N, C-alpha and C. Protein backbone atom coordinates (compact mmCIF):
# COMPACT_ATOMS: atom_id res chain seq x y z
N GLN A 1 23.91 -25.48 49.83
CA GLN A 1 24.94 -25.14 50.34
C GLN A 1 25.86 -23.89 49.52
N VAL A 2 26.03 -22.70 50.23
CA VAL A 2 26.84 -21.76 49.53
C VAL A 2 28.30 -21.59 50.06
N GLN A 3 29.44 -21.52 49.33
CA GLN A 3 30.55 -21.12 49.72
C GLN A 3 30.89 -19.63 49.08
N LEU A 4 31.37 -18.90 50.00
CA LEU A 4 31.54 -17.47 49.75
C LEU A 4 33.27 -17.56 50.13
N VAL A 5 33.85 -17.02 49.30
CA VAL A 5 35.29 -16.46 49.05
C VAL A 5 35.71 -15.13 49.30
N GLU A 6 36.26 -14.30 50.16
CA GLU A 6 36.59 -12.83 49.94
C GLU A 6 37.95 -12.82 49.49
N SER A 7 38.11 -11.72 49.04
CA SER A 7 39.73 -11.11 48.52
C SER A 7 39.89 -9.95 48.58
N GLY A 8 40.87 -9.49 48.56
CA GLY A 8 41.12 -7.84 48.56
C GLY A 8 41.59 -7.25 49.54
N GLY A 9 41.79 -7.94 50.70
CA GLY A 9 42.32 -7.43 52.02
C GLY A 9 43.62 -7.17 51.83
N ARG A 10 44.16 -6.26 52.45
CA ARG A 10 45.67 -5.82 52.64
C ARG A 10 45.77 -4.52 53.62
N LEU A 11 46.95 -4.08 53.65
CA LEU A 11 47.48 -3.06 54.38
C LEU A 11 47.60 -1.93 53.53
N VAL A 12 46.84 -0.68 54.23
CA VAL A 12 46.72 0.61 53.57
C VAL A 12 46.99 1.80 54.36
N GLN A 13 47.07 2.76 53.95
CA GLN A 13 47.15 3.89 54.98
C GLN A 13 46.05 4.42 54.81
N ALA A 14 45.80 5.39 55.89
CA ALA A 14 44.57 6.39 56.41
C ALA A 14 44.08 7.17 55.20
N GLY A 15 43.07 7.16 54.52
CA GLY A 15 42.60 8.04 53.21
C GLY A 15 42.90 7.46 52.43
N ASP A 16 43.34 5.98 52.37
CA ASP A 16 43.40 5.46 51.03
C ASP A 16 41.96 4.61 50.42
N SER A 17 41.80 4.16 49.32
CA SER A 17 40.72 3.47 49.18
C SER A 17 41.13 1.83 48.69
N LEU A 18 40.15 0.99 48.93
CA LEU A 18 40.27 -0.41 48.87
C LEU A 18 38.97 -1.14 48.50
N ARG A 19 39.19 -2.25 47.77
CA ARG A 19 37.78 -2.68 47.24
C ARG A 19 38.10 -4.21 47.24
N LEU A 20 37.14 -5.02 48.33
CA LEU A 20 36.77 -6.11 48.77
C LEU A 20 36.01 -6.88 47.72
N SER A 21 36.11 -8.17 47.24
CA SER A 21 35.28 -8.73 46.56
C SER A 21 34.92 -10.17 47.27
N CYS A 22 33.95 -10.84 46.55
CA CYS A 22 33.33 -11.95 47.60
C CYS A 22 33.04 -12.81 46.22
N ALA A 23 33.15 -14.04 46.23
CA ALA A 23 32.63 -14.77 44.90
C ALA A 23 31.77 -15.78 45.58
N ALA A 24 30.75 -16.07 45.18
CA ALA A 24 29.60 -17.09 45.66
C ALA A 24 29.64 -18.34 44.94
N SER A 25 29.72 -19.55 45.61
CA SER A 25 29.67 -20.89 44.53
C SER A 25 27.90 -21.16 44.52
N THR A 26 27.27 -20.57 43.89
CA THR A 26 25.80 -20.82 43.64
C THR A 26 25.35 -20.84 42.56
N ARG A 27 24.47 -21.65 41.85
CA ARG A 27 23.55 -21.18 40.57
C ARG A 27 22.30 -20.34 41.11
N THR A 28 22.52 -20.17 42.16
CA THR A 28 21.01 -19.32 42.76
C THR A 28 21.07 -18.01 43.35
N PHE A 29 22.55 -17.40 43.18
CA PHE A 29 23.08 -16.23 43.94
C PHE A 29 22.03 -15.13 43.92
N SER A 30 21.04 -14.80 42.74
CA SER A 30 20.32 -14.03 42.95
C SER A 30 19.29 -14.33 43.85
N ARG A 31 19.14 -15.38 44.55
CA ARG A 31 17.94 -15.55 45.48
C ARG A 31 18.44 -15.10 46.89
N PHE A 32 19.73 -14.67 47.01
CA PHE A 32 20.30 -14.13 48.39
C PHE A 32 20.71 -12.70 48.77
N SER A 33 20.37 -12.49 49.93
CA SER A 33 20.76 -10.89 50.22
C SER A 33 22.23 -11.37 50.77
N MET A 34 22.97 -10.24 50.70
CA MET A 34 24.04 -10.33 50.68
C MET A 34 24.80 -9.30 51.72
N GLY A 35 25.70 -9.55 52.45
CA GLY A 35 26.19 -8.39 53.36
C GLY A 35 27.55 -8.58 53.82
N TRP A 36 28.27 -7.35 54.35
CA TRP A 36 29.65 -7.73 54.71
C TRP A 36 29.58 -7.04 56.15
N PHE A 37 30.41 -7.70 56.95
CA PHE A 37 30.66 -7.61 58.52
C PHE A 37 32.22 -7.84 58.72
N ARG A 38 32.35 -7.23 59.65
CA ARG A 38 33.93 -7.16 59.97
C ARG A 38 34.09 -7.27 61.67
N GLN A 39 34.84 -7.71 62.00
CA GLN A 39 35.45 -8.32 63.65
C GLN A 39 36.91 -7.65 63.74
N ALA A 40 37.18 -6.90 64.53
CA ALA A 40 38.34 -6.30 65.13
C ALA A 40 38.73 -7.36 66.25
N PRO A 41 40.05 -7.09 66.50
CA PRO A 41 40.43 -7.90 67.61
C PRO A 41 39.78 -7.74 69.05
N GLY A 42 39.57 -8.71 69.68
CA GLY A 42 38.64 -8.36 71.20
C GLY A 42 37.30 -7.56 70.93
N LYS A 43 36.89 -7.86 69.59
CA LYS A 43 35.24 -7.16 69.67
C LYS A 43 34.52 -7.92 69.10
N GLU A 44 33.42 -7.50 69.06
CA GLU A 44 32.01 -8.44 68.44
C GLU A 44 32.20 -8.33 66.95
N ARG A 45 31.78 -9.26 66.21
CA ARG A 45 31.61 -9.22 64.97
C ARG A 45 30.39 -8.04 64.83
N GLU A 46 30.48 -7.17 63.68
CA GLU A 46 29.71 -6.20 63.67
C GLU A 46 29.18 -5.64 61.87
N PHE A 47 28.12 -5.20 62.02
CA PHE A 47 27.74 -5.14 60.45
C PHE A 47 28.25 -3.93 59.79
N VAL A 48 28.34 -4.25 58.68
CA VAL A 48 29.13 -3.01 57.68
C VAL A 48 28.15 -2.54 56.69
N ALA A 49 27.35 -3.49 55.90
CA ALA A 49 26.77 -2.82 54.79
C ALA A 49 25.92 -4.43 54.14
N ALA A 50 24.87 -3.97 53.63
CA ALA A 50 24.10 -5.37 52.97
C ALA A 50 23.12 -4.71 51.85
N ILE A 51 22.92 -5.79 51.10
CA ILE A 51 22.56 -5.00 49.54
C ILE A 51 21.31 -6.36 49.23
N THR A 52 20.05 -5.84 48.90
CA THR A 52 19.07 -6.73 48.70
C THR A 52 19.27 -8.01 47.45
N ARG A 53 18.56 -8.52 47.31
CA ARG A 53 18.93 -9.94 46.48
C ARG A 53 18.77 -9.07 44.57
N SER A 54 18.32 -8.06 44.50
CA SER A 54 18.20 -7.46 43.04
C SER A 54 19.59 -6.36 43.16
N GLY A 55 19.82 -5.92 44.09
CA GLY A 55 20.70 -4.65 44.23
C GLY A 55 20.29 -3.55 44.32
N VAL A 56 19.05 -3.19 44.32
CA VAL A 56 18.40 -1.92 44.39
C VAL A 56 18.79 -1.18 45.79
N GLY A 57 18.28 -2.40 46.60
CA GLY A 57 18.56 -1.67 47.97
C GLY A 57 19.59 -2.01 48.87
N THR A 58 19.94 -0.93 49.64
CA THR A 58 21.38 -1.20 50.62
C THR A 58 21.21 -0.88 51.94
N ASN A 59 22.01 -1.20 52.51
CA ASN A 59 21.84 -0.95 54.04
C ASN A 59 23.16 -0.63 54.89
N TYR A 60 23.76 0.32 55.66
CA TYR A 60 25.15 0.61 55.91
C TYR A 60 24.91 0.85 57.49
N ALA A 61 25.93 0.62 57.92
CA ALA A 61 26.32 1.00 59.51
C ALA A 61 26.66 2.88 59.27
N ASP A 62 26.27 3.21 60.22
CA ASP A 62 26.43 4.78 60.68
C ASP A 62 27.91 4.92 60.27
N SER A 63 28.48 3.89 60.75
CA SER A 63 30.50 4.04 60.63
C SER A 63 30.62 4.60 59.51
N VAL A 64 30.05 3.66 58.60
CA VAL A 64 30.72 3.83 57.02
C VAL A 64 29.93 4.65 56.02
N LYS A 65 28.64 4.93 56.53
CA LYS A 65 28.10 5.76 55.41
C LYS A 65 28.63 6.77 55.27
N GLY A 66 28.48 6.80 53.54
CA GLY A 66 29.27 7.76 53.09
C GLY A 66 30.72 7.72 52.72
N ARG A 67 31.21 6.87 53.12
CA ARG A 67 32.42 6.27 52.81
C ARG A 67 32.60 4.99 51.98
N PHE A 68 31.76 4.15 52.51
CA PHE A 68 31.66 2.38 51.90
C PHE A 68 30.55 2.58 50.98
N THR A 69 30.65 1.51 49.87
CA THR A 69 29.66 1.14 48.78
C THR A 69 29.43 -0.24 48.96
N ILE A 70 28.54 -0.76 48.87
CA ILE A 70 28.12 -2.09 48.61
C ILE A 70 27.46 -2.52 47.07
N SER A 71 28.08 -3.12 46.29
CA SER A 71 27.26 -3.72 45.08
C SER A 71 27.58 -4.86 44.79
N ARG A 72 26.68 -5.44 43.99
CA ARG A 72 26.68 -6.79 43.28
C ARG A 72 26.36 -7.18 41.92
N GLU A 73 26.97 -8.41 41.76
CA GLU A 73 26.96 -8.21 40.17
C GLU A 73 26.41 -9.94 39.95
N ASN A 74 25.01 -10.08 39.84
CA ASN A 74 24.26 -11.52 40.00
C ASN A 74 24.66 -12.35 38.52
N ALA A 75 24.98 -11.82 37.55
CA ALA A 75 25.44 -12.49 36.12
C ALA A 75 26.78 -13.38 36.64
N LYS A 76 27.92 -12.46 37.83
CA LYS A 76 28.85 -13.05 37.84
C LYS A 76 29.12 -13.63 39.51
N ASN A 77 27.91 -13.81 40.31
CA ASN A 77 28.10 -14.24 41.22
C ASN A 77 29.08 -13.58 42.36
N THR A 78 29.14 -12.28 41.88
CA THR A 78 29.81 -11.46 43.12
C THR A 78 29.43 -10.14 43.92
N VAL A 79 29.99 -10.37 44.83
CA VAL A 79 29.36 -8.67 45.80
C VAL A 79 30.62 -8.32 46.04
N SER A 80 30.65 -6.77 46.03
CA SER A 80 31.87 -6.10 46.10
C SER A 80 31.55 -5.10 47.54
N LEU A 81 32.66 -4.37 48.16
CA LEU A 81 32.43 -3.49 49.29
C LEU A 81 33.73 -2.60 48.67
N GLN A 82 33.34 -1.17 47.89
CA GLN A 82 34.36 -0.15 47.82
C GLN A 82 34.56 0.78 49.18
N MET A 83 35.78 0.96 49.51
CA MET A 83 36.00 1.45 50.62
C MET A 83 36.84 2.71 50.70
N ASN A 84 36.33 3.87 50.67
CA ASN A 84 36.75 4.89 50.49
C ASN A 84 37.41 5.56 52.17
N ASN A 85 38.31 6.83 51.61
CA ASN A 85 38.55 7.47 53.21
C ASN A 85 38.81 6.74 54.03
N MET A 86 39.46 5.78 53.96
CA MET A 86 39.65 4.73 55.28
C MET A 86 40.28 5.27 56.23
N LYS A 87 39.91 4.63 57.54
CA LYS A 87 40.43 5.19 58.97
C LYS A 87 40.97 3.71 59.76
N PRO A 88 41.91 4.27 60.61
CA PRO A 88 42.52 3.18 61.51
C PRO A 88 41.35 2.52 62.09
N GLU A 89 40.28 2.72 62.41
CA GLU A 89 39.40 1.99 63.02
C GLU A 89 38.58 1.12 61.95
N ASP A 90 39.10 1.24 60.94
CA ASP A 90 38.51 0.25 59.59
C ASP A 90 39.07 -1.00 59.76
N THR A 91 40.18 -1.18 60.58
CA THR A 91 41.09 -2.15 60.74
C THR A 91 40.30 -3.60 61.19
N ALA A 92 40.05 -4.68 60.67
CA ALA A 92 39.24 -5.70 61.07
C ALA A 92 39.48 -6.73 59.93
N VAL A 93 39.02 -7.94 60.32
CA VAL A 93 38.93 -9.30 59.28
C VAL A 93 37.56 -8.79 58.97
N TYR A 94 37.36 -8.60 57.69
CA TYR A 94 35.65 -8.79 56.78
C TYR A 94 35.34 -9.78 56.43
N TYR A 95 33.95 -9.89 56.78
CA TYR A 95 33.39 -11.20 56.36
C TYR A 95 32.27 -11.10 55.23
N CYS A 96 32.29 -12.05 54.27
CA CYS A 96 31.23 -11.66 53.37
C CYS A 96 30.18 -13.07 53.91
N ALA A 97 28.77 -12.36 53.70
CA ALA A 97 27.63 -13.43 54.16
C ALA A 97 26.63 -13.12 53.25
N ALA A 98 25.91 -14.38 53.59
CA ALA A 98 24.46 -14.46 52.31
C ALA A 98 23.51 -14.90 53.27
N TYR A 99 22.22 -14.83 53.01
CA TYR A 99 20.92 -15.45 53.59
C TYR A 99 20.02 -15.22 52.68
N SER A 100 19.08 -16.43 52.52
CA SER A 100 17.90 -16.48 51.57
C SER A 100 16.57 -16.29 52.34
N SER A 101 15.92 -15.47 51.98
CA SER A 101 14.70 -15.05 52.86
C SER A 101 13.27 -14.90 51.57
N THR A 102 12.24 -15.27 52.20
CA THR A 102 11.24 -15.05 51.46
C THR A 102 11.01 -13.73 51.23
N TYR A 103 11.29 -12.72 52.26
CA TYR A 103 11.10 -11.41 51.99
C TYR A 103 12.45 -10.40 51.49
N ALA A 104 12.27 -9.52 50.71
CA ALA A 104 13.22 -8.78 50.27
C ALA A 104 13.99 -8.05 51.35
N GLY A 105 15.32 -7.97 51.50
CA GLY A 105 15.71 -6.99 52.45
C GLY A 105 17.38 -7.09 52.54
N ALA A 106 17.88 -6.24 53.22
CA ALA A 106 19.24 -5.95 53.50
C ALA A 106 19.70 -6.13 54.94
N SER A 107 19.60 -7.10 55.67
CA SER A 107 19.65 -7.12 57.06
C SER A 107 20.93 -6.71 57.65
N SER A 108 20.74 -6.24 58.71
CA SER A 108 22.13 -5.74 59.45
C SER A 108 22.34 -6.74 60.71
N ASN A 109 21.46 -7.59 60.69
CA ASN A 109 21.46 -8.74 61.89
C ASN A 109 22.21 -9.85 61.36
N ARG A 110 23.47 -10.20 62.14
CA ARG A 110 24.14 -11.29 61.49
C ARG A 110 23.39 -12.69 62.17
N TYR A 111 22.60 -12.76 62.51
CA TYR A 111 21.95 -13.95 63.04
C TYR A 111 20.99 -14.32 61.89
N VAL A 112 20.64 -13.80 60.94
CA VAL A 112 19.78 -14.39 59.90
C VAL A 112 20.72 -14.79 58.67
N TYR A 113 22.20 -14.67 58.81
CA TYR A 113 22.70 -14.87 57.70
C TYR A 113 23.09 -16.15 58.03
N ASP A 114 23.12 -17.26 56.62
CA ASP A 114 22.87 -18.54 56.84
C ASP A 114 24.68 -19.04 56.32
N TYR A 115 25.28 -18.21 55.45
CA TYR A 115 26.47 -18.46 55.11
C TYR A 115 27.58 -17.44 55.42
N TRP A 116 28.63 -17.88 55.39
CA TRP A 116 29.93 -17.04 55.71
C TRP A 116 31.39 -17.44 55.18
N GLY A 117 31.91 -16.26 54.65
CA GLY A 117 33.24 -16.55 54.00
C GLY A 117 34.35 -16.92 55.08
N GLN A 118 35.51 -17.14 54.69
CA GLN A 118 36.77 -17.22 55.89
C GLN A 118 37.06 -16.07 56.30
N GLY A 119 36.85 -14.76 55.62
CA GLY A 119 37.65 -13.62 55.71
C GLY A 119 38.64 -12.96 55.71
N THR A 120 38.80 -11.65 55.38
CA THR A 120 39.77 -11.20 54.72
C THR A 120 40.35 -10.12 55.66
N GLN A 121 41.84 -9.79 55.86
CA GLN A 121 42.13 -8.81 56.78
C GLN A 121 42.34 -7.58 56.17
N VAL A 122 42.09 -6.42 56.51
CA VAL A 122 42.25 -5.16 56.15
C VAL A 122 42.78 -4.51 57.01
N THR A 123 43.85 -3.86 57.24
CA THR A 123 44.68 -3.16 58.27
C THR A 123 45.00 -1.73 57.54
N VAL A 124 44.38 -0.46 58.52
CA VAL A 124 44.67 0.72 57.81
C VAL A 124 45.58 1.47 59.04
N SER A 125 46.85 1.88 58.32
CA SER A 125 47.69 2.58 59.27
C SER A 125 47.33 3.98 59.19
N SER A 126 47.91 4.54 60.43
CA SER A 126 47.56 5.91 60.66
C SER A 126 48.47 6.96 59.95
């Protein structure tokens, strides 16, 4: 079992930057691919970014490419999401997620993720 706890969400203004963090409670963190998803009111949960187990490979949604950066520190069991030039449409609850697979990857498919955090609210005002 893996527990994920997100932090860092808050109210920001358009154009600001914000960094989200996710702490994982597992001794085998490096075996998990990690992802960030978000869900706005009335909308389905959508993929934001993912990173491979080693941290070498990343994957981004088109809507955040060039603005958001996902990274991880396996020695600290953490994954982060650096968000720059934020827009009102980035407003959502952001979730950290993890999956373990024989195949290396950074999936955008939410259904392959086995573990989810409780989420952290990010609000971007115009």
